[in-house]
Structures are given as structure tokens and as C-alpha cells.
Amino acid sequence: MSTLNRRQVVVGAAGIAGVAALAACSASDTAVSVTTPSQSSTPVASTADSAASGALVTTAEVPEGGGVIVSANGQAYAVTQPTKGEFKCFSAVCPHQGCNCNAVQDGQIVCPCHGSMFAIATGDVTQGPATTGLTAEKITVAGSSISLG
């Protein structure tokens, strides 16, 4: 029986890490992460209605007092509903070091990399290390569809 040497273990671990990184990069452009004001992120698939119409998300998918993280055309967005019927959209790219925010919890858009948080109503920084807020994006709400522009 042969034993593994240190080099074989390191090379094997690097290979496993590379495969995991590639798997993470292959996510669909229509992914939606939905969170309510007091719950952690729960990934769900975008509805056929919003995907077929070119919408980012439907109004029903954005909880009041919370929001969703969506991906479209290779860009991540945070779509929020701070108060009933008021929808906002921000780039989900954290201005601190470019990580994508991945959740909306307790009225905050959350960046997992260094803990920055942003207000769902304004995109302003509520907790650093980020020193500037998220970039607001123009959206159109038509019926139950929310689209960029």
C-alpha cells in the first residue's frame, strides 16, 4: 500500500478547490435570492413569468420590508420593497472591494465578504467597512413585472 506525500495532498486539495470555484461560477443568470425582513437568504428560481418577459423579478417575489438579490446579464442587483408598493433597485456589487451582496435581512442588503450592510430604502451604508453606498438603478414597474430602465 502506498502513502501520500505532502505534494500529492496539496495538489489534490488545489484541484478540489478549483472544481468548487468553477461550479460556483456556473450559476444561472436568472437566479433569485429571496429574503424577508427577519429571515436569512433562501435561493429560489425566478418565475417563468418574469424570465419570459425580460423582467428582473415580479412584485410578488419581493417581500415588503425586505428584498431579493437577482442576477441578469451577468450583473447582480438588489431589488427591495422598503414600504408596501415602493420598489427600489441597486447594484448588488459592494463598493468596498467588489464582492456581490448575497442577502437581504432585517432591512439591510448584506455583503458577505467583509460585513458591509446597506439600507434597503436608499442603498446607503449602515455598517462598514464600505464607505459609499450601493449604486441606485432605474427600474420600471409594469403590472407585476419589475424591469431595468
Protein backbone atom coordinates (compact mmCIF):
# COMPACT_ATOMS: atom_id res chain seq x y z
CA MET A 1 0.00 0.00 0.00
CA SER A 2 1.42 3.44 -0.93
CA THR A 3 1.28 6.52 1.25
CA LEU A 4 0.54 10.05 0.11
CA ASN A 5 3.29 12.58 0.33
CA ARG A 6 2.78 16.25 1.14
CA ARG A 7 2.96 17.35 -2.52
CA GLN A 8 0.21 14.91 -3.55
CA VAL A 9 -2.07 16.17 -0.77
CA VAL A 10 -1.50 19.83 -1.71
CA VAL A 11 -2.06 19.18 -5.43
CA GLY A 12 -5.22 17.19 -4.69
CA ALA A 13 -6.60 19.92 -2.43
CA ALA A 14 -5.88 22.57 -5.08
CA GLY A 15 -7.73 20.50 -7.68
CA ILE A 16 -10.77 20.15 -5.45
CA ALA A 17 -10.77 23.91 -4.75
CA GLY A 18 -10.57 24.63 -8.49
CA VAL A 19 -13.54 22.41 -9.25
CA ALA A 20 -15.56 24.10 -6.47
CA ALA A 21 -14.69 27.54 -7.85
CA LEU A 22 -15.78 26.57 -11.36
CA ALA A 23 -19.06 25.17 -10.05
CA ALA A 24 -19.75 28.44 -8.21
CA CYS A 25 -19.12 30.45 -11.39
CA SER A 26 -21.61 28.47 -13.44
CA ALA A 27 -24.73 29.85 -11.72
CA SER A 28 -27.69 30.79 -13.92
CA ASP A 29 -28.28 34.42 -14.87
CA THR A 30 -31.86 34.17 -13.65
CA ALA A 31 -31.14 33.22 -10.05
CA VAL A 32 -33.14 34.96 -7.37
CA SER A 33 -32.42 35.02 -3.66
CA VAL A 34 -35.47 35.98 -1.61
CA THR A 35 -35.37 37.14 1.98
CA THR A 36 -37.94 38.54 4.31
CA PRO A 37 -37.13 41.17 6.93
CA SER A 38 -36.23 38.62 9.60
CA GLN A 39 -35.02 35.56 7.72
CA SER A 40 -31.77 34.53 6.12
CA SER A 41 -31.27 34.20 2.38
CA THR A 42 -33.18 31.40 0.67
CA PRO A 43 -32.36 30.85 -3.00
CA VAL A 44 -35.31 30.22 -5.30
CA ALA A 45 -35.63 30.03 -9.06
CA SER A 46 -37.00 33.01 -10.93
CA THR A 47 -40.56 32.53 -12.08
CA ALA A 48 -41.21 31.74 -15.73
CA ASP A 49 -43.38 34.88 -15.93
CA SER A 50 -40.53 37.25 -15.02
CA ALA A 51 -37.93 35.38 -17.09
CA ALA A 52 -40.16 35.25 -20.17
CA SER A 53 -40.97 38.95 -20.06
CA GLY A 54 -37.37 40.07 -19.57
CA ALA A 55 -38.22 41.36 -16.11
CA LEU A 56 -35.75 41.13 -13.26
CA VAL A 57 -38.40 39.83 -10.89
CA THR A 58 -42.13 40.03 -10.19
CA THR A 59 -43.58 42.27 -7.49
CA ALA A 60 -44.87 39.17 -5.67
CA GLU A 61 -41.28 37.88 -5.30
CA VAL A 62 -40.11 40.99 -3.41
CA PRO A 63 -41.27 40.87 0.22
CA GLU A 64 -42.46 44.07 1.90
CA GLY A 65 -39.71 45.33 4.22
CA GLY A 66 -37.19 43.07 2.51
CA GLY A 67 -35.86 42.27 -0.91
CA VAL A 68 -34.23 39.85 -3.31
CA ILE A 69 -30.85 39.51 -4.93
CA VAL A 70 -31.18 38.77 -8.64
CA SER A 71 -28.74 38.26 -11.47
CA ALA A 72 -29.35 39.41 -15.03
CA ASN A 73 -26.91 39.70 -17.92
CA GLY A 74 -24.00 38.84 -15.64
CA GLN A 75 -24.80 41.64 -13.17
CA ALA A 76 -26.18 41.25 -9.64
CA TYR A 77 -28.97 43.53 -8.38
CA ALA A 78 -30.76 44.03 -5.07
CA VAL A 79 -34.47 44.70 -5.64
CA THR A 80 -36.21 45.87 -2.48
CA GLN A 81 -39.64 46.92 -1.22
CA PRO A 82 -38.99 49.23 1.76
CA THR A 83 -42.70 50.02 2.15
CA LYS A 84 -45.75 48.44 0.57
CA GLY A 85 -45.81 49.12 -3.19
CA GLU A 86 -42.50 51.07 -3.23
CA PHE A 87 -39.80 49.20 -5.16
CA LYS A 88 -36.09 50.10 -5.36
CA CYS A 89 -33.16 48.59 -7.20
CA PHE A 90 -29.44 48.84 -6.50
CA SER A 91 -26.33 47.30 -7.98
CA ALA A 92 -25.50 44.41 -5.63
CA VAL A 93 -21.77 44.99 -6.14
CA CYS A 94 -20.31 46.18 -2.85
CA PRO A 95 -18.25 49.35 -3.33
CA HIS A 96 -15.74 48.21 -0.71
CA GLN A 97 -13.95 45.52 -2.73
CA GLY A 98 -16.37 44.47 -5.45
CA CYS A 99 -17.97 41.41 -3.82
CA ASN A 100 -21.62 40.73 -4.63
CA CYS A 101 -24.11 41.25 -1.84
CA ASN A 102 -25.89 37.94 -1.35
CA ALA A 103 -28.79 38.54 1.04
CA VAL A 104 -31.37 40.99 2.29
CA GLN A 105 -32.06 40.61 6.01
CA ASP A 106 -33.61 42.78 8.68
CA GLY A 107 -33.98 45.76 6.32
CA GLN A 108 -30.34 45.53 5.18
CA ILE A 109 -28.62 44.45 1.96
CA VAL A 110 -25.72 42.30 3.15
CA CYS A 111 -22.24 41.83 1.67
CA PRO A 112 -20.78 38.53 2.89
CA CYS A 113 -17.13 39.35 2.22
CA HIS A 114 -16.40 41.90 4.96
CA GLY A 115 -19.77 42.53 6.61
CA SER A 116 -20.83 45.78 4.96
CA MET A 117 -24.57 46.49 5.12
CA PHE A 118 -26.76 48.88 3.16
CA ALA A 119 -30.25 50.33 3.75
CA ILE A 120 -32.98 48.78 1.57
CA ALA A 121 -34.64 52.18 1.03
CA THR A 122 -31.60 54.19 -0.06
CA GLY A 123 -28.64 51.86 -0.59
CA ASP A 124 -26.70 53.95 1.94
CA VAL A 125 -24.04 52.32 4.11
CA THR A 126 -25.36 51.33 7.53
CA GLN A 127 -22.30 49.28 8.53
CA GLY A 128 -18.79 49.39 7.09
CA PRO A 129 -16.10 48.79 6.03
CA ALA A 130 -17.71 50.18 2.83
CA THR A 131 -17.62 53.98 2.86
CA THR A 132 -20.02 54.63 -0.02
CA GLY A 133 -23.47 53.21 -0.73
CA LEU A 134 -24.76 50.95 -3.45
CA THR A 135 -25.46 52.47 -6.87
CA ALA A 136 -29.18 53.04 -7.50
CA GLU A 137 -30.56 51.56 -10.70
CA LYS A 138 -33.57 52.88 -12.62
CA ILE A 139 -36.42 50.39 -12.76
CA THR A 140 -39.87 50.24 -14.29
CA VAL A 141 -42.79 48.55 -12.55
CA ALA A 142 -45.42 47.50 -15.09
CA GLY A 143 -48.23 45.43 -13.67
CA SER A 144 -46.49 42.72 -11.67
CA SER A 145 -43.14 42.94 -13.53
CA ILE A 146 -40.07 44.87 -12.39
CA SER A 147 -37.58 45.60 -15.20
CA LEU A 148 -34.43 47.67 -15.53
CA GLY A 149 -34.87 51.04 -17.18
